[in-house]
Amino acid sequence: DQAHASLASQFEARTVERAYHAVVWGTPGTASGTIEGNIGRSPRNRKKMSVVTRGGKPALTRWRVERRLGTSAPVASVLECRLATGRTHQIRVHLAHKLMPVIGDRAYGGRITPARRRAIGEIAQEAVSALTRHALDAYLIGFMHPRNGKFCNYSHDKPKELKHLIDLLDQV
């Protein structure tokens, strides 16, 4: 109970450090940025979330380009995303709103469009089609230990299917 209460209060106070890797279609014009916009139910599809002009809850996502993918022209990017808030589907909604949808995210625009299909070639298309998830991975979490008060953080390498996808997209 003590651990649960401590972690819940840290999440509420927004002191838990969280970082994600997202493989997205396209490449931003800057090396980093912030996306701010209230997130609420989509007025067009109640099963989805969207950036809304009225209502919703404030949401803030900070991102930076970790790697641009593609040899002749960048077709995709690997972004590191950090959340200042924690809304439902926040990263996916914010990135799609800025026209950088997470690859493989069928709900928020990460499908292979005809233009993307032409840009990436057959081998990369197969890797995207073979994804059983979207190309978003929570790789780091940090928090104050509930008992000893020391800051702990845990991270892991990118999953092999995302590494494989990144390598293939980097060769197109």
Protein backbone atom coordinates (compact mmCIF):
# COMPACT_ATOMS: atom_id res chain seq x y z
CA ASP A 1 0.00 0.00 0.00
CA GLN A 2 2.84 2.39 0.86
CA ALA A 3 4.56 1.82 -2.48
CA HIS A 4 1.30 2.25 -4.40
CA ALA A 5 0.47 5.49 -2.59
CA SER A 6 3.96 6.88 -3.18
CA LEU A 7 3.99 6.06 -6.88
CA ALA A 8 0.44 7.37 -7.37
CA SER A 9 1.38 10.69 -5.76
CA GLN A 10 4.52 10.94 -7.91
CA PHE A 11 2.47 10.41 -11.05
CA GLU A 12 -0.04 13.00 -9.88
CA ALA A 13 2.74 15.49 -9.12
CA ARG A 14 4.26 14.72 -12.56
CA THR A 15 7.66 13.90 -11.08
CA VAL A 16 7.92 10.45 -12.73
CA GLU A 17 10.37 10.57 -15.64
CA ARG A 18 9.10 8.78 -18.76
CA ALA A 19 10.66 8.58 -22.19
CA TYR A 20 9.54 6.84 -25.37
CA HIS A 21 10.99 6.05 -28.78
CA ALA A 22 8.63 6.65 -31.68
CA VAL A 23 9.34 5.72 -35.30
CA VAL A 24 7.25 8.15 -37.32
CA TRP A 25 6.45 8.85 -40.94
CA GLY A 26 8.13 11.98 -42.23
CA THR A 27 10.79 14.15 -40.75
CA PRO A 28 10.30 17.37 -38.78
CA GLY A 29 11.91 20.59 -39.96
CA THR A 30 13.58 21.17 -36.59
CA ALA A 31 15.71 19.02 -34.31
CA SER A 32 13.29 19.25 -31.40
CA GLY A 33 10.00 20.73 -30.38
CA THR A 34 7.03 20.84 -28.09
CA ILE A 35 3.46 19.89 -28.89
CA GLU A 36 0.83 21.44 -26.70
CA GLY A 37 -2.88 20.95 -27.14
CA ASN A 38 -5.85 19.74 -25.17
CA ILE A 39 -6.73 16.12 -25.77
CA GLY A 40 -10.31 14.90 -25.64
CA ARG A 41 -12.69 12.58 -27.45
CA SER A 42 -12.68 13.09 -31.19
CA PRO A 43 -15.84 14.88 -32.34
CA ARG A 44 -15.81 12.67 -35.48
CA ASN A 45 -15.11 9.29 -33.87
CA ARG A 46 -15.95 8.80 -30.20
CA LYS A 47 -13.63 5.76 -30.00
CA LYS A 48 -10.60 7.95 -30.71
CA MET A 49 -8.91 10.85 -28.98
CA SER A 50 -7.87 14.07 -30.74
CA VAL A 51 -6.47 17.53 -30.16
CA VAL A 52 -9.56 19.61 -29.44
CA THR A 53 -10.18 23.34 -29.43
CA ARG A 54 -12.82 23.20 -26.69
CA GLY A 55 -12.80 20.97 -23.64
CA GLY A 56 -10.40 18.09 -23.23
CA LYS A 57 -7.47 18.11 -20.85
CA PRO A 58 -4.19 19.99 -21.26
CA ALA A 59 -1.38 17.88 -22.69
CA LEU A 60 2.29 18.62 -23.38
CA THR A 61 4.72 16.41 -25.31
CA ARG A 62 8.39 17.29 -25.82
CA TRP A 63 10.21 15.56 -28.67
CA ARG A 64 13.64 15.52 -30.28
CA VAL A 65 14.89 13.85 -33.43
CA GLU A 66 17.16 10.97 -32.57
CA ARG A 67 17.68 9.88 -36.18
CA ARG A 68 16.36 10.72 -39.66
CA LEU A 69 15.82 7.63 -41.82
CA GLY A 70 16.43 7.31 -45.56
CA THR A 71 19.48 7.61 -47.79
CA SER A 72 18.31 9.87 -50.61
CA ALA A 73 15.54 11.72 -48.81
CA PRO A 74 14.33 11.15 -45.26
CA VAL A 75 11.11 9.12 -45.24
CA ALA A 76 10.82 8.57 -41.50
CA SER A 77 12.39 9.58 -38.20
CA VAL A 78 13.12 8.15 -34.79
CA LEU A 79 11.96 10.57 -32.12
CA GLU A 80 12.48 10.57 -28.39
CA CYS A 81 9.31 11.79 -26.68
CA ARG A 82 8.94 12.91 -23.09
CA LEU A 83 5.62 13.61 -21.46
CA ALA A 84 4.85 16.50 -19.15
CA THR A 85 1.31 15.11 -18.83
CA GLY A 86 -0.15 11.67 -19.31
CA ARG A 87 -3.29 11.64 -21.42
CA THR A 88 -4.82 8.68 -23.20
CA HIS A 89 -2.88 8.05 -26.46
CA GLN A 90 -1.08 11.39 -25.92
CA ILE A 91 2.06 10.75 -27.99
CA ARG A 92 0.15 9.12 -30.83
CA VAL A 93 -2.46 11.90 -30.95
CA HIS A 94 0.05 14.76 -30.70
CA LEU A 95 2.41 13.35 -33.35
CA ALA A 96 -0.44 12.64 -35.75
CA HIS A 97 -1.75 16.17 -35.16
CA LYS A 98 1.65 17.48 -36.31
CA LEU A 99 1.57 15.18 -39.36
CA MET A 100 4.18 12.79 -38.00
CA PRO A 101 2.05 9.68 -37.30
CA VAL A 102 3.62 6.70 -35.56
CA ILE A 103 4.34 3.96 -38.08
CA GLY A 104 1.89 1.08 -37.78
CA ASP A 105 -0.67 3.14 -35.85
CA ARG A 106 -3.83 2.33 -37.76
CA ALA A 107 -6.01 4.51 -35.53
CA TYR A 108 -4.04 7.75 -35.92
CA GLY A 109 -2.71 7.75 -39.48
CA GLY A 110 0.31 5.44 -39.43
CA ARG A 111 -0.83 3.20 -42.30
CA ILE A 112 1.18 2.76 -45.48
CA THR A 113 -0.36 5.22 -47.92
CA PRO A 114 0.32 4.89 -51.67
CA ALA A 115 2.87 7.75 -51.46
CA ARG A 116 4.66 6.08 -48.53
CA ARG A 117 4.56 2.76 -50.39
CA ARG A 118 6.35 4.31 -53.38
CA ALA A 119 8.92 6.02 -51.13
CA ILE A 120 10.04 3.04 -49.07
CA GLY A 121 10.21 0.09 -51.45
CA GLU A 122 9.08 -3.49 -51.13
CA ILE A 123 11.37 -4.79 -48.37
CA ALA A 124 10.57 -1.93 -45.98
CA GLN A 125 6.86 -2.28 -46.86
CA GLU A 126 7.00 -5.90 -45.73
CA ALA A 127 8.61 -4.89 -42.42
CA VAL A 128 5.95 -2.24 -41.79
CA SER A 129 3.17 -4.66 -42.73
CA ALA A 130 4.65 -7.33 -40.44
CA LEU A 131 4.47 -5.04 -37.39
CA THR A 132 1.95 -6.38 -34.90
CA ARG A 133 2.03 -3.10 -32.95
CA HIS A 134 2.70 0.55 -33.53
CA ALA A 135 6.33 1.67 -33.58
CA LEU A 136 6.21 3.31 -30.15
CA ASP A 137 8.16 1.98 -27.18
CA ALA A 138 8.33 3.16 -23.56
CA TYR A 139 12.04 2.73 -22.89
CA LEU A 140 12.69 4.68 -19.70
CA ILE A 141 10.98 5.27 -16.36
CA GLY A 142 12.40 7.02 -13.31
CA PHE A 143 10.93 7.73 -9.89
CA MET A 144 11.78 8.18 -6.22
CA HIS A 145 11.95 4.84 -4.44
CA PRO A 146 8.93 4.63 -2.11
CA ARG A 147 10.97 3.40 0.87
CA ASN A 148 14.51 4.78 0.66
CA GLY A 149 13.78 8.02 -1.25
CA LYS A 150 16.58 7.45 -3.77
CA PHE A 151 15.93 8.22 -7.43
CA CYS A 152 15.72 5.04 -9.53
CA ASN A 153 15.51 4.79 -13.28
CA TYR A 154 15.12 1.82 -15.55
CA SER A 155 15.62 1.62 -19.27
CA HIS A 156 15.98 -0.91 -22.06
CA ASP A 157 17.19 -1.07 -25.65
CA LYS A 158 14.81 -0.79 -28.58
CA PRO A 159 12.94 -4.04 -29.28
CA LYS A 160 14.40 -6.09 -32.13
CA GLU A 161 11.39 -5.54 -34.44
CA LEU A 162 11.82 -1.76 -34.13
CA LYS A 163 15.59 -1.98 -34.68
CA HIS A 164 14.92 -4.06 -37.80
CA LEU A 165 12.35 -1.55 -39.08
CA ILE A 166 14.72 1.37 -38.42
CA ASP A 167 17.57 -0.36 -40.27
CA LEU A 168 15.38 -1.09 -43.30
CA LEU A 169 13.93 2.43 -43.47
CA ASP A 170 17.41 3.90 -43.18
CA GLN A 171 18.43 2.05 -46.36
CA VAL A 172 15.66 3.36 -48.64
